[in-house]
Amino acid sequence: MARPLRFRRSPERWHRDRVRQQLLSSLDQNIGAEMGTPHYRPPNGWEGVRFEMDNGDFALFVWNDDEAYWLGNTETPSALWRTNKYDWEEVPYLIARWAQRELLADLRVEEPWLADYPHVAWYFLPVLMSKDGRESTREFLREYACGFPDADPDEALSYLESVLHPGDLDDYRHEMAGKLGTSQHVDRTRMASAISEFAAAKILTDAGYDITPEIEVTTGHFLDYRAKGPDGTNVLVEVTRPRSPSRRSANTPVAAVRDTAQVKTSGQLANHGGGVVMFVDCSNFRDDQWAAVRGEQPDVRHKPAVVYRVRPSGHVEGYRKGDVPLDLGDAIEWV
């Protein structure tokens, strides 16, 4: 799978004639391109151009006397093939900020509905403007209500905005945004599972925990979060999301919860015993499906565990199995 939009850095000396000869000519010959002026002036001491391709792709190129940076969702000209790639946090701040303004300006024109959700637009910008994921990611957010059933897309986007607004995941933007996907096709199951990780982050931070995602453990696996409490204690958390019964072979909501948790328990968590809290997110269950799970409160073959359902209103209700070493306070209404 492709990765979110990243920069390429060239340590060579560039000037406008070389840009025309080695970048514009290559792009124009292969896919048709024009070189123009960016929406915003590059930082002081830098010169920049914008490439518009006939197929709707774009690219930015900015340079000074010492180095140059390329960013685009199109093919890379051969003159830049051997350059290294860098995440947004790894390039000079002024360059990242300038490029971000450029892309957000494009996004406001292409997807005006995102104007009401500035944190969603900013956080997922490397995916929303990526080569392969721009169409599928936008469609998932716009048409599928971020994976919440029977929900209004605006309500779901407002919830996601509230998750991202505090900035708890800002330092992990590239990694976490990429979880939403850069595939050309909408994979509702995988993309909704990514939203579950963001929902879990909100539960933990609302309960007062500092979180770090993607924790490598001795088995070679990565677990979703380390939650550090006010007293300095650390708890590992792994999130799983059962498919709703209508989308899986299990014919009841209870069976769906048990089967999905069993897969996670017998695989990734098999060597951790009770050292990891399993979060079972049933947010893609309809009201009647969740009511069945809430009423029976089935075991999930791993303890400690928290089984819960999030609604776009922000309300979360759930139940616990085993001695959960997390004080989730009012973040979850226990049933």
C-alpha atoms as a PDB file:
ATOM      1  CA  MET A   1       0.000   0.000   0.000  1.00  0.00           C
ATOM      2  CA  ALA A   2       1.225   3.492  -0.807  1.00  0.00           C
ATOM      3  CA  ARG A   3       2.202   5.801   2.000  1.00  0.00           C
ATOM      4  CA  PRO A   4       0.885   9.274   2.810  1.00  0.00           C
ATOM      5  CA  LEU A   5       2.268  12.224   0.899  1.00  0.00           C
ATOM      6  CA  ARG A   6       5.926  12.877   1.765  1.00  0.00           C
ATOM      7  CA  PHE A   7       8.680  15.245   0.727  1.00  0.00           C
ATOM      8  CA  ARG A   8      11.758  14.453  -1.320  1.00  0.00           C
ATOM      9  CA  ARG A   9      14.935  16.376  -0.537  1.00  0.00           C
ATOM     10  CA  SER A  10      17.598  17.171  -3.100  1.00  0.00           C
ATOM     11  CA  PRO A  11      20.971  18.348  -1.717  1.00  0.00           C
ATOM     12  CA  GLU A  12      21.960  19.668  -5.142  1.00  0.00           C
ATOM     13  CA  ARG A  13      21.933  23.226  -6.428  1.00  0.00           C
ATOM     14  CA  TRP A  14      18.850  24.190  -8.442  1.00  0.00           C
ATOM     15  CA  HIS A  15      17.813  27.186 -10.501  1.00  0.00           C
ATOM     16  CA  ARG A  16      14.741  27.964 -12.584  1.00  0.00           C
ATOM     17  CA  ASP A  17      16.281  26.880 -15.898  1.00  0.00           C
ATOM     18  CA  ARG A  18      17.231  23.512 -14.453  1.00  0.00           C
ATOM     19  CA  VAL A  19      13.727  23.142 -13.019  1.00  0.00           C
ATOM     20  CA  ARG A  20      12.284  23.693 -16.498  1.00  0.00           C
ATOM     21  CA  GLN A  21      14.758  21.368 -18.213  1.00  0.00           C
ATOM     22  CA  GLN A  22      14.732  18.436 -15.784  1.00  0.00           C
ATOM     23  CA  LEU A  23      11.380  18.582 -14.005  1.00  0.00           C
ATOM     24  CA  LEU A  24       8.838  20.344 -16.199  1.00  0.00           C
ATOM     25  CA  SER A  25      10.025  18.726 -19.432  1.00  0.00           C
ATOM     26  CA  SER A  26       9.875  15.252 -17.890  1.00  0.00           C
ATOM     27  CA  LEU A  27       6.376  15.756 -16.489  1.00  0.00           C
ATOM     28  CA  ASP A  28       5.051  17.406 -19.635  1.00  0.00           C
ATOM     29  CA  GLN A  29       6.407  14.691 -21.888  1.00  0.00           C
ATOM     30  CA  ASN A  30       4.946  11.860 -19.811  1.00  0.00           C
ATOM     31  CA  ILE A  31       1.587  13.141 -18.600  1.00  0.00           C
ATOM     32  CA  GLY A  32       1.250  16.760 -19.692  1.00  0.00           C
ATOM     33  CA  ALA A  33       2.123  19.534 -17.258  1.00  0.00           C
ATOM     34  CA  GLU A  34       2.333  23.262 -16.766  1.00  0.00           C
ATOM     35  CA  MET A  35       4.576  25.166 -14.372  1.00  0.00           C
ATOM     36  CA  GLY A  36       3.149  28.159 -12.568  1.00  0.00           C
ATOM     37  CA  THR A  37       3.223  30.320  -9.469  1.00  0.00           C
ATOM     38  CA  PRO A  38       2.198  28.826  -6.100  1.00  0.00           C
ATOM     39  CA  HIS A  39      -0.834  30.176  -4.249  1.00  0.00           C
ATOM     40  CA  TYR A  40       1.412  31.477  -1.487  1.00  0.00           C
ATOM     41  CA  ARG A  41       4.856  33.009  -1.593  1.00  0.00           C
ATOM     42  CA  PRO A  42       7.575  30.587  -0.434  1.00  0.00           C
ATOM     43  CA  PRO A  43       9.505  31.406   2.762  1.00  0.00           C
ATOM     44  CA  ASN A  44      12.109  34.154   2.614  1.00  0.00           C
ATOM     45  CA  GLY A  45      15.258  32.957   0.901  1.00  0.00           C
ATOM     46  CA  TRP A  46      13.428  30.253  -1.062  1.00  0.00           C
ATOM     47  CA  GLU A  47      12.084  30.141  -4.598  1.00  0.00           C
ATOM     48  CA  GLY A  48       9.217  27.876  -5.548  1.00  0.00           C
ATOM     49  CA  VAL A  49       6.995  26.708  -8.379  1.00  0.00           C
ATOM     50  CA  ARG A  50       3.830  24.695  -8.746  1.00  0.00           C
ATOM     51  CA  PHE A  51       3.210  22.004 -11.368  1.00  0.00           C
ATOM     52  CA  GLU A  52      -0.320  21.273 -12.586  1.00  0.00           C
ATOM     53  CA  MET A  53      -0.726  18.032 -14.500  1.00  0.00           C
ATOM     54  CA  ASP A  54      -3.316  17.301 -17.182  1.00  0.00           C
ATOM     55  CA  ASN A  55      -4.639  14.358 -15.132  1.00  0.00           C
ATOM     56  CA  GLY A  56      -5.365  16.512 -12.066  1.00  0.00           C
ATOM     57  CA  ASP A  57      -2.134  15.724 -10.201  1.00  0.00           C
ATOM     58  CA  PHE A  58      -0.023  18.462  -8.683  1.00  0.00           C
ATOM     59  CA  ALA A  59       3.498  18.987  -7.367  1.00  0.00           C
ATOM     60  CA  LEU A  60       5.398  21.678  -5.502  1.00  0.00           C
ATOM     61  CA  PHE A  61       9.104  22.359  -5.808  1.00  0.00           C
ATOM     62  CA  VAL A  62      10.984  24.832  -3.634  1.00  0.00           C
ATOM     63  CA  TRP A  63      14.701  25.544  -3.473  1.00  0.00           C
ATOM     64  CA  ASN A  64      17.400  27.829  -2.095  1.00  0.00           C
ATOM     65  CA  ASP A  65      21.165  27.960  -2.588  1.00  0.00           C
ATOM     66  CA  ASP A  66      21.756  24.762  -0.584  1.00  0.00           C
ATOM     67  CA  GLU A  67      18.863  22.334  -1.048  1.00  0.00           C
ATOM     68  CA  ALA A  68      15.463  21.704  -2.620  1.00  0.00           C
ATOM     69  CA  TYR A  69      12.226  19.961  -1.658  1.00  0.00           C
ATOM     70  CA  TRP A  70       9.659  18.226  -3.863  1.00  0.00           C
ATOM     71  CA  LEU A  71       6.111  17.335  -2.814  1.00  0.00           C
ATOM     72  CA  GLY A  72       3.501  15.919  -5.153  1.00  0.00           C
ATOM     73  CA  ASN A  73       0.868  13.278  -5.774  1.00  0.00           C
ATOM     74  CA  THR A  74       2.157  12.563  -9.241  1.00  0.00           C
ATOM     75  CA  GLU A  75       5.043  10.694 -10.819  1.00  0.00           C
ATOM     76  CA  THR A  76       8.511  11.690  -9.682  1.00  0.00           C
ATOM     77  CA  PRO A  77      10.780  13.084 -12.428  1.00  0.00           C
ATOM     78  CA  SER A  78      13.874  10.972 -13.030  1.00  0.00           C
ATOM     79  CA  ALA A  79      16.150  13.784 -11.813  1.00  0.00           C
ATOM     80  CA  LEU A  80      14.740  13.198  -8.316  1.00  0.00           C
ATOM     81  CA  TRP A  81      14.585   9.395  -8.267  1.00  0.00           C
ATOM     82  CA  ARG A  82      17.599   8.992  -5.995  1.00  0.00           C
ATOM     83  CA  THR A  83      16.498  11.573  -3.466  1.00  0.00           C
ATOM     84  CA  ASN A  84      15.440  10.530   0.026  1.00  0.00           C
ATOM     85  CA  LYS A  85      11.897  10.841   1.333  1.00  0.00           C
ATOM     86  CA  TYR A  86      10.972  12.719   4.498  1.00  0.00           C
ATOM     87  CA  ASP A  87       7.856  13.019   6.620  1.00  0.00           C
ATOM     88  CA  TRP A  88       6.316  16.437   7.238  1.00  0.00           C
ATOM     89  CA  GLU A  89       7.915  16.699  10.670  1.00  0.00           C
ATOM     90  CA  GLU A  90      11.360  15.981   9.230  1.00  0.00           C
ATOM     91  CA  VAL A  91      11.649  18.933   6.850  1.00  0.00           C
ATOM     92  CA  PRO A  92      12.218  22.577   7.853  1.00  0.00           C
ATOM     93  CA  TYR A  93       9.144  23.947   9.580  1.00  0.00           C
ATOM     94  CA  LEU A  94       8.801  26.902   7.214  1.00  0.00           C
ATOM     95  CA  ILE A  95       8.763  24.566   4.204  1.00  0.00           C
ATOM     96  CA  ALA A  96       6.191  22.232   5.752  1.00  0.00           C
ATOM     97  CA  ARG A  97       4.007  25.177   6.753  1.00  0.00           C
ATOM     98  CA  TRP A  98       4.163  26.713   3.271  1.00  0.00           C
ATOM     99  CA  ALA A  99       3.315  23.407   1.584  1.00  0.00           C
ATOM    100  CA  GLN A 100       0.505  22.852   4.036  1.00  0.00           C
ATOM    101  CA  ARG A 101      -1.058  26.216   3.193  1.00  0.00           C
ATOM    102  CA  GLU A 102      -0.844  25.341  -0.497  1.00  0.00           C
ATOM    103  CA  LEU A 103      -2.570  21.989  -0.056  1.00  0.00           C
ATOM    104  CA  LEU A 104      -5.228  23.256   2.309  1.00  0.00           C
ATOM    105  CA  ALA A 105      -6.106  25.952  -0.229  1.00  0.00           C
ATOM    106  CA  ASP A 106      -6.601  23.253  -2.855  1.00  0.00           C
ATOM    107  CA  LEU A 107      -8.650  21.150  -0.470  1.00  0.00           C
ATOM    108  CA  ARG A 108     -10.977  24.025   0.369  1.00  0.00           C
ATOM    109  CA  VAL A 109     -11.780  24.372  -3.322  1.00  0.00           C
ATOM    110  CA  GLU A 110     -12.057  20.660  -4.083  1.00  0.00           C
ATOM    111  CA  GLU A 111     -13.907  19.641  -0.902  1.00  0.00           C
ATOM    112  CA  PRO A 112     -15.684  22.694   0.567  1.00  0.00           C
ATOM    113  CA  TRP A 113     -17.536  20.492   3.082  1.00  0.00           C
ATOM    114  CA  LEU A 114     -14.257  20.071   4.975  1.00  0.00           C
ATOM    115  CA  ALA A 115     -14.178  23.782   5.819  1.00  0.00           C
ATOM    116  CA  ASP A 116     -16.218  23.096   8.970  1.00  0.00           C
ATOM    117  CA  TYR A 117     -13.670  20.527  10.154  1.00  0.00           C
ATOM    118  CA  PRO A 118     -10.264  22.253  10.067  1.00  0.00           C
ATOM    119  CA  HIS A 119      -8.535  19.747  12.343  1.00  0.00           C
ATOM    120  CA  VAL A 120      -9.747  16.801  10.271  1.00  0.00           C
ATOM    121  CA  ALA A 121      -8.546  18.520   7.095  1.00  0.00           C
ATOM    122  CA  TRP A 122      -5.152  19.375   8.604  1.00  0.00           C
ATOM    123  CA  TYR A 123      -4.542  16.041  10.304  1.00  0.00           C
ATOM    124  CA  PHE A 124      -5.410  13.869   7.322  1.00  0.00           C
ATOM    125  CA  LEU A 125      -3.969  16.237   4.719  1.00  0.00           C
ATOM    126  CA  PRO A 126      -1.090  13.867   3.754  1.00  0.00           C
ATOM    127  CA  VAL A 127      -3.736  11.224   2.956  1.00  0.00           C
ATOM    128  CA  LEU A 128      -6.481  13.440   1.566  1.00  0.00           C
ATOM    129  CA  MET A 129      -3.993  14.765  -0.997  1.00  0.00           C
ATOM    130  CA  SER A 130      -2.038  11.530  -1.574  1.00  0.00           C
ATOM    131  CA  LYS A 131      -1.599   9.900  -4.953  1.00  0.00           C
ATOM    132  CA  ASP A 132      -3.739   6.823  -4.348  1.00  0.00           C
ATOM    133  CA  GLY A 133      -5.802   7.673  -1.278  1.00  0.00           C
ATOM    134  CA  ARG A 134      -7.244  11.066  -2.033  1.00  0.00           C
ATOM    135  CA  GLU A 135     -10.477   9.842  -3.629  1.00  0.00           C
ATOM    136  CA  SER A 136     -11.115   6.860  -1.339  1.00  0.00           C
ATOM    137  CA  THR A 137     -10.384   8.741   1.898  1.00  0.00           C
ATOM    138  CA  ARG A 138     -12.585  11.661   0.974  1.00  0.00           C
ATOM    139  CA  GLU A 139     -15.384   9.302  -0.022  1.00  0.00           C
ATOM    140  CA  PHE A 140     -15.150   7.389   3.250  1.00  0.00           C
ATOM    141  CA  LEU A 141     -15.381  10.539   5.344  1.00  0.00           C
ATOM    142  CA  ARG A 142     -18.066  12.142   3.192  1.00  0.00           C
ATOM    143  CA  GLU A 143     -20.293   9.199   2.313  1.00  0.00           C
ATOM    144  CA  TYR A 144     -19.817   6.603   5.067  1.00  0.00           C
ATOM    145  CA  ALA A 145     -19.960   8.742   8.222  1.00  0.00           C
ATOM    146  CA  CYS A 146     -16.504   7.646   9.375  1.00  0.00           C
ATOM    147  CA  GLY A 147     -17.799   4.105   9.824  1.00  0.00           C
ATOM    148  CA  PHE A 148     -20.657   4.893  12.227  1.00  0.00           C
ATOM    149  CA  PRO A 149     -23.921   3.142  11.252  1.00  0.00           C
ATOM    150  CA  ASP A 150     -27.135   5.113  10.963  1.00  0.00           C
ATOM    151  CA  ALA A 151     -25.233   8.357  11.506  1.00  0.00           C
ATOM    152  CA  ASP A 152     -25.189  11.657   9.691  1.00  0.00           C
ATOM    153  CA  PRO A 153     -21.765  12.311   8.082  1.00  0.00           C
ATOM    154  CA  ASP A 154     -21.663  15.809   9.575  1.00  0.00           C
ATOM    155  CA  GLU A 155     -22.287  14.415  13.042  1.00  0.00           C
ATOM    156  CA  ALA A 156     -19.554  11.826  12.557  1.00  0.00           C
ATOM    157  CA  LEU A 157     -17.102  14.416  11.245  1.00  0.00           C
ATOM    158  CA  SER A 158     -17.882  16.659  14.211  1.00  0.00           C
ATOM    159  CA  TYR A 159     -16.974  13.789  16.500  1.00  0.00           C
ATOM    160  CA  LEU A 160     -13.703  13.186  14.672  1.00  0.00           C
ATOM    161  CA  GLU A 161     -12.988  16.912  14.872  1.00  0.00           C
ATOM    162  CA  SER A 162     -13.456  16.732  18.656  1.00  0.00           C
ATOM    163  CA  VAL A 163     -11.013  13.807  18.830  1.00  0.00           C
ATOM    164  CA  LEU A 164      -8.295  15.703  16.976  1.00  0.00           C
ATOM    165  CA  HIS A 165      -8.861  19.205  18.353  1.00  0.00           C
ATOM    166  CA  PRO A 166      -6.966  18.778  21.667  1.00  0.00           C
ATOM    167  CA  GLY A 167      -3.784  17.824  19.784  1.00  0.00           C
ATOM    168  CA  ASP A 168      -2.934  14.694  21.759  1.00  0.00           C
ATOM    169  CA  LEU A 169      -2.070  12.858  18.547  1.00  0.00           C
ATOM    170  CA  ASP A 170      -0.414  15.742  16.700  1.00  0.00           C
ATOM    171  CA  ASP A 171       3.101  14.373  17.213  1.00  0.00           C
ATOM    172  CA  TYR A 172       2.045  11.120  15.541  1.00  0.00           C
ATOM    173  CA  ARG A 173       0.197  12.666  12.621  1.00  0.00           C
ATOM    174  CA  HIS A 174       1.999  10.957   9.745  1.00  0.00           C
ATOM    175  CA  GLU A 175       1.758   7.512  11.304  1.00  0.00           C
ATOM    176  CA  MET A 176      -1.827   7.793  12.496  1.00  0.00           C
ATOM    177  CA  ALA A 177      -3.188   9.535   9.399  1.00  0.00           C
ATOM    178  CA  GLY A 178      -1.716   6.752   7.299  1.00  0.00           C
ATOM    179  CA  LYS A 179      -3.863   4.222   9.143  1.00  0.00           C
ATOM    180  CA  LEU A 180      -6.905   5.645   7.387  1.00  0.00           C
ATOM    181  CA  GLY A 181      -5.343   4.383   4.194  1.00  0.00           C
ATOM    182  CA  THR A 182      -3.918   5.407   0.855  1.00  0.00           C
ATOM    183  CA  SER A 183      -5.645   2.739  -1.188  1.00  0.00           C
ATOM    184  CA  GLN A 184      -7.453   3.630  -4.411  1.00  0.00           C
ATOM    185  CA  HIS A 185     -10.556   1.803  -3.184  1.00  0.00           C
ATOM    186  CA  VAL A 186     -12.734   2.356  -0.128  1.00  0.00           C
ATOM    187  CA  ASP A 187     -12.119  -0.470   2.347  1.00  0.00           C
ATOM    188  CA  ARG A 188     -14.845   0.329   4.849  1.00  0.00           C
ATOM    189  CA  THR A 189     -13.800  -2.355   7.324  1.00  0.00           C
ATOM    190  CA  ARG A 190     -10.161  -1.319   7.493  1.00  0.00           C
ATOM    191  CA  MET A 191     -10.887   2.392   7.464  1.00  0.00           C
ATOM    192  CA  ALA A 192     -13.492   2.077  10.199  1.00  0.00           C
ATOM    193  CA  SER A 193     -10.967   0.111  12.256  1.00  0.00           C
ATOM    194  CA  ALA A 194      -8.605   3.061  11.943  1.00  0.00           C
ATOM    195  CA  ILE A 195     -11.320   5.362  13.299  1.00  0.00           C
ATOM    196  CA  SER A 196     -11.628   2.970  16.251  1.00  0.00           C
ATOM    197  CA  GLU A 197      -8.034   3.715  17.182  1.00  0.00           C
ATOM    198  CA  PHE A 198      -8.811   7.422  17.250  1.00  0.00           C
ATOM    199  CA  ALA A 199     -11.905   6.775  19.353  1.00  0.00           C
ATOM    200  CA  ALA A 200      -9.826   4.727  21.800  1.00  0.00           C
ATOM    201  CA  ALA A 201      -7.376   7.614  22.042  1.00  0.00           C
ATOM    202  CA  LYS A 202     -10.208   9.949  23.035  1.00  0.00           C
ATOM    203  CA  ILE A 203     -11.454   7.549  25.708  1.00  0.00           C
ATOM    204  CA  LEU A 204      -7.988   7.311  27.235  1.00  0.00           C
ATOM    205  CA  THR A 205      -7.231  11.028  27.091  1.00  0.00           C
ATOM    206  CA  ASP A 206     -10.677  11.950  28.424  1.00  0.00           C
ATOM    207  CA  ALA A 207      -9.845   9.686  31.371  1.00  0.00           C
ATOM    208  CA  GLY A 208      -6.626  11.624  32.005  1.00  0.00           C
ATOM    209  CA  TYR A 209      -4.034   9.364  30.392  1.00  0.00           C
ATOM    210  CA  ASP A 210      -1.122  10.449  28.229  1.00  0.00           C
ATOM    211  CA  ILE A 211      -0.940   8.191  25.194  1.00  0.00           C
ATOM    212  CA  THR A 212       1.767   6.953  22.863  1.00  0.00           C
ATOM    213  CA  PRO A 213       0.690   4.930  19.809  1.00  0.00           C
ATOM    214  CA  GLU A 214       2.379   1.959  18.150  1.00  0.00           C
ATOM    215  CA  ILE A 215       4.331   0.430  21.016  1.00  0.00           C
ATOM    216  CA  GLU A 216       6.736  -2.347  20.009  1.00  0.00           C
ATOM    217  CA  VAL A 217       6.830  -5.269  22.442  1.00  0.00           C
ATOM    218  CA  THR A 218       9.270  -8.135  22.897  1.00  0.00           C
ATOM    219  CA  THR A 219       7.271 -10.480  20.653  1.00  0.00           C
ATOM    220  CA  GLY A 220       7.961  -8.197  17.696  1.00  0.00           C
ATOM    221  CA  HIS A 221       4.344  -7.029  17.549  1.00  0.00           C
ATOM    222  CA  PHE A 222       3.157  -3.452  17.832  1.00  0.00           C
ATOM    223  CA  LEU A 223       0.345  -2.648  20.240  1.00  0.00           C
ATOM    224  CA  ASP A 224      -1.931   0.304  19.666  1.00  0.00           C
ATOM    225  CA  TYR A 225      -1.249   2.419  22.755  1.00  0.00           C
ATOM    226  CA  ARG A 226       0.704   2.875  25.924  1.00  0.00           C
ATOM    227  CA  ALA A 227      -1.404   4.828  28.394  1.00  0.00           C
ATOM    228  CA  LYS A 228       0.492   6.638  31.135  1.00  0.00           C
ATOM    229  CA  GLY A 229      -1.557   7.582  34.149  1.00  0.00           C
ATOM    230  CA  PRO A 230      -1.155  10.617  36.425  1.00  0.00           C
ATOM    231  CA  ASP A 231       0.678   8.380  38.923  1.00  0.00           C
ATOM    232  CA  GLY A 232       3.236   7.344  36.303  1.00  0.00           C
ATOM    233  CA  THR A 233       1.935   3.818  35.761  1.00  0.00           C
ATOM    234  CA  ASN A 234       1.868   2.485  32.201  1.00  0.00           C
ATOM    235  CA  VAL A 235      -0.771   0.230  30.670  1.00  0.00           C
ATOM    236  CA  LEU A 236      -0.688  -1.296  27.182  1.00  0.00           C
ATOM    237  CA  VAL A 237      -3.889  -1.200  25.157  1.00  0.00           C
ATOM    238  CA  GLU A 238      -4.824  -3.081  21.996  1.00  0.00           C
ATOM    239  CA  VAL A 239      -7.957  -2.153  20.043  1.00  0.00           C
ATOM    240  CA  THR A 240     -10.073  -4.519  17.973  1.00  0.00           C
ATOM    241  CA  ARG A 241     -13.314  -3.818  16.127  1.00  0.00           C
ATOM    242  CA  PRO A 242     -15.789  -6.619  15.400  1.00  0.00           C
ATOM    243  CA  ARG A 243     -17.619  -6.422  12.127  1.00  0.00           C
ATOM    244  CA  SER A 244     -21.347  -6.105  12.465  1.00  0.00           C
ATOM    245  CA  PRO A 245     -23.216  -9.420  11.970  1.00  0.00           C
ATOM    246  CA  SER A 246     -24.566  -8.327   8.602  1.00  0.00           C
ATOM    247  CA  ARG A 247     -20.975  -8.159   7.304  1.00  0.00           C
ATOM    248  CA  ARG A 248     -19.578 -11.430   8.649  1.00  0.00           C
ATOM    249  CA  SER A 249     -20.346 -15.123   8.901  1.00  0.00           C
ATOM    250  CA  ALA A 250     -21.255 -14.839  12.593  1.00  0.00           C
ATOM    251  CA  ASN A 251     -25.037 -14.613  12.694  1.00  0.00           C
ATOM    252  CA  THR A 252     -25.465 -12.810  16.016  1.00  0.00           C
ATOM    253  CA  PRO A 253     -23.885  -9.709  17.545  1.00  0.00           C
ATOM    254  CA  VAL A 254     -22.661 -11.731  20.530  1.00  0.00           C
ATOM    255  CA  ALA A 255     -20.941 -14.251  18.245  1.00  0.00           C
ATOM    256  CA  ALA A 256     -19.332 -11.418  16.295  1.00  0.00           C
ATOM    257  CA  VAL A 257     -17.810 -10.009  19.483  1.00  0.00           C
ATOM    258  CA  ARG A 258     -16.593 -13.396  20.672  1.00  0.00           C
ATOM    259  CA  ASP A 259     -15.120 -14.448  17.336  1.00  0.00           C
ATOM    260  CA  THR A 260     -13.254 -11.204  16.697  1.00  0.00           C
ATOM    261  CA  ALA A 261     -11.841 -11.105  20.206  1.00  0.00           C
ATOM    262  CA  GLN A 262     -10.786 -14.752  19.866  1.00  0.00           C
ATOM    263  CA  VAL A 263      -8.767 -13.980  16.729  1.00  0.00           C
ATOM    264  CA  LYS A 264      -6.969 -11.145  18.503  1.00  0.00           C
ATOM    265  CA  THR A 265      -6.419 -13.172  21.680  1.00  0.00           C
ATOM    266  CA  SER A 266      -5.057 -16.278  19.974  1.00  0.00           C
ATOM    267  CA  GLY A 267      -2.757 -14.237  17.757  1.00  0.00           C
ATOM    268  CA  GLN A 268      -1.283 -10.906  18.712  1.00  0.00           C
ATOM    269  CA  LEU A 269      -2.043 -11.140  22.443  1.00  0.00           C
ATOM    270  CA  ALA A 270      -1.259 -14.816  22.933  1.00  0.00           C
ATOM    271  CA  ASN A 271       2.098 -14.198  24.593  1.00  0.00           C
ATOM    272  CA  HIS A 272       1.053 -11.338  26.824  1.00  0.00           C
ATOM    273  CA  GLY A 273      -1.313 -13.041  29.240  1.00  0.00           C
ATOM    274  CA  GLY A 274      -3.075 -10.369  31.263  1.00  0.00           C
ATOM    275  CA  GLY A 275      -0.493  -7.674  30.578  1.00  0.00           C
ATOM    276  CA  VAL A 276      -2.527  -5.914  27.896  1.00  0.00           C
ATOM    277  CA  VAL A 277      -5.982  -4.382  28.119  1.00  0.00           C
ATOM    278  CA  MET A 278      -8.072  -5.299  25.092  1.00  0.00           C
ATOM    279  CA  PHE A 279     -10.495  -2.640  23.885  1.00  0.00           C
ATOM    280  CA  VAL A 280     -13.338  -4.187  21.876  1.00  0.00           C
ATOM    281  CA  ASP A 281     -14.992  -1.370  19.932  1.00  0.00           C
ATOM    282  CA  CYS A 282     -18.516  -2.190  18.790  1.00  0.00           C
ATOM    283  CA  SER A 283     -19.171   1.250  17.312  1.00  0.00           C
ATOM    284  CA  ASN A 284     -20.259  -0.188  13.971  1.00  0.00           C
ATOM    285  CA  PHE A 285     -23.139  -2.092  15.624  1.00  0.00           C
ATOM    286  CA  ARG A 286     -26.641  -0.754  15.158  1.00  0.00           C
ATOM    287  CA  ASP A 287     -28.738   0.016  18.229  1.00  0.00           C
ATOM    288  CA  ASP A 288     -30.435  -3.381  18.278  1.00  0.00           C
ATOM    289  CA  GLN A 289     -27.152  -5.233  17.761  1.00  0.00           C
ATOM    290  CA  TRP A 290     -25.431  -3.385  20.583  1.00  0.00           C
ATOM    291  CA  ALA A 291     -28.452  -3.926  22.830  1.00  0.00           C
ATOM    292  CA  ALA A 292     -27.961  -7.692  22.448  1.00  0.00           C
ATOM    293  CA  VAL A 293     -24.285  -7.435  23.401  1.00  0.00           C
ATOM    294  CA  ARG A 294     -24.977  -5.050  26.252  1.00  0.00           C
ATOM    295  CA  GLY A 295     -27.649  -7.356  27.621  1.00  0.00           C
ATOM    296  CA  GLU A 296     -25.592 -10.551  27.549  1.00  0.00           C
ATOM    297  CA  GLN A 297     -22.139  -8.992  28.143  1.00  0.00           C
ATOM    298  CA  PRO A 298     -20.304 -11.992  26.686  1.00  0.00           C
ATOM    299  CA  ASP A 299     -16.773 -12.973  27.670  1.00  0.00           C
ATOM    300  CA  VAL A 300     -14.118 -12.177  25.086  1.00  0.00           C
ATOM    301  CA  ARG A 301     -11.538 -14.852  26.106  1.00  0.00           C
ATOM    302  CA  HIS A 302      -9.079 -12.225  27.255  1.00  0.00           C
ATOM    303  CA  LYS A 303      -8.876 -10.385  30.523  1.00  0.00           C
ATOM    304  CA  PRO A 304      -8.720  -7.561  31.226  1.00  0.00           C
ATOM    305  CA  ALA A 305     -10.977  -6.231  28.514  1.00  0.00           C
ATOM    306  CA  VAL A 306     -13.336  -3.331  27.890  1.00  0.00           C
ATOM    307  CA  VAL A 307     -16.205  -3.813  25.445  1.00  0.00           C
ATOM    308  CA  TYR A 308     -17.875  -0.581  24.412  1.00  0.00           C
ATOM    309  CA  ARG A 309     -19.749   1.361  21.755  1.00  0.00           C
ATOM    310  CA  VAL A 310     -19.086   4.973  20.747  1.00  0.00           C
ATOM    311  CA  ARG A 311     -21.704   7.184  19.190  1.00  0.00           C
ATOM    312  CA  PRO A 312     -20.884  10.298  17.144  1.00  0.00           C
ATOM    313  CA  SER A 313     -22.486  12.370  19.913  1.00  0.00           C
ATOM    314  CA  GLY A 314     -19.466  11.412  22.015  1.00  0.00           C
ATOM    315  CA  HIS A 315     -21.445   9.150  24.327  1.00  0.00           C
ATOM    316  CA  VAL A 316     -19.697   5.875  25.161  1.00  0.00           C
ATOM    317  CA  GLU A 317     -21.152   2.951  27.039  1.00  0.00           C
ATOM    318  CA  GLY A 318     -19.632  -0.411  27.785  1.00  0.00           C
ATOM    319  CA  TYR A 319     -18.737  -3.143  30.249  1.00  0.00           C
ATOM    320  CA  ARG A 320     -15.562  -4.635  31.710  1.00  0.00           C
ATOM    321  CA  LYS A 321     -14.217  -8.151  31.972  1.00  0.00           C
ATOM    322  CA  GLY A 322     -11.496  -8.891  34.497  1.00  0.00           C
ATOM    323  CA  ASP A 323      -9.551  -6.421  36.610  1.00  0.00           C
ATOM    324  CA  VAL A 324      -8.996  -3.498  34.243  1.00  0.00           C
ATOM    325  CA  PRO A 325      -5.956  -1.476  35.409  1.00  0.00           C
ATOM    326  CA  LEU A 326      -7.348   1.736  33.948  1.00  0.00           C
ATOM    327  CA  ASP A 327      -9.458   4.304  35.738  1.00  0.00           C
ATOM    328  CA  LEU A 328     -11.668   5.340  32.871  1.00  0.00           C
ATOM    329  CA  GLY A 329     -13.845   7.485  35.127  1.00  0.00           C
ATOM    330  CA  ASP A 330     -16.612   9.239  33.246  1.00  0.00           C
ATOM    331  CA  ALA A 331     -15.143   8.483  29.811  1.00  0.00           C
ATOM    332  CA  ILE A 332     -17.419   5.423  29.600  1.00  0.00           C
ATOM    333  CA  GLU A 333     -20.900   4.900  31.015  1.00  0.00           C
ATOM    334  CA  TRP A 334     -20.776   1.413  32.508  1.00  0.00           C
ATOM    335  CA  VAL A 335     -23.747  -0.852  31.849  1.00  0.00           C
END
